[in-house]
Amino acid sequence: MDWTGFRVVTAATLEPVTVAELKTYARIDGTDYDSMLSGYISACRAALEKHTGRTFLTTSCELSLDSFPDDNGAIYLPYPPVQSVTSIYYNQESDGANTLLASSLYQADLYSVYPRIVPAYDEDWPDTRDMLNAVRVTYVTGYGDDDSDVPAAIRECIKSLATDLFEHPETNVELRLEENRTYQFLLNAYSIPGCV
């Protein structure tokens, strides 16, 4: 699976954990550290998304490929869960025109561990011009729009990691999730094999 052409188009506007929730969890009073705690939440969310190979809140993404897969193979979409496929554009082989692929020409499996797009029944992927990023798939990922849509185990990991960063900043030069059995236990159900 070639995911080198992946990028975030529009990032989520919220975090899975609010500063108020983290302060309650960590028993922090006042507002002196709110900005710092917000940064810790963002950093921990990013680390856990990378660790699990998932996106937590609604995010618009794009995957660029140099061509459609050979033999009508599947296009695999990184960073599930995938909510929807927005569009597929490609550059036609004949004149290089940027063309929208009709949604009736492909089908999407958004429920598998590795979400994928394949040609519709009795259809083929169109030929593309021999150029970089000739195929561009835009799609929406994440568990939902609200922080409560994110699984509780992931939210608990974010709170625990952020609290650890707050209480022991001198010992957290880097987050070593693989060395912590509690985090591993909570995150194993959400980690995508081959994505971490």
Foldseek 3Di string as FASTA:
>chain_A
DDQPQKDFPFAFPDFLDALVRLCVVLVPDDCPCRVVLVVLLVVLQVVLCQQQFAHAEKTKMKGFAQWQDPPQDKDWDTHAQFPWWDWKWFQAQPHGDTDTDDPQQKDWDNPDLTTIITGDPPHGGHGGHRDGRRMMIMTIHHQYNHSVSGDPLSVVSSSVSSSCCVVCVPVPPDDDQVVDPSNCVSCVVRHRPPSD
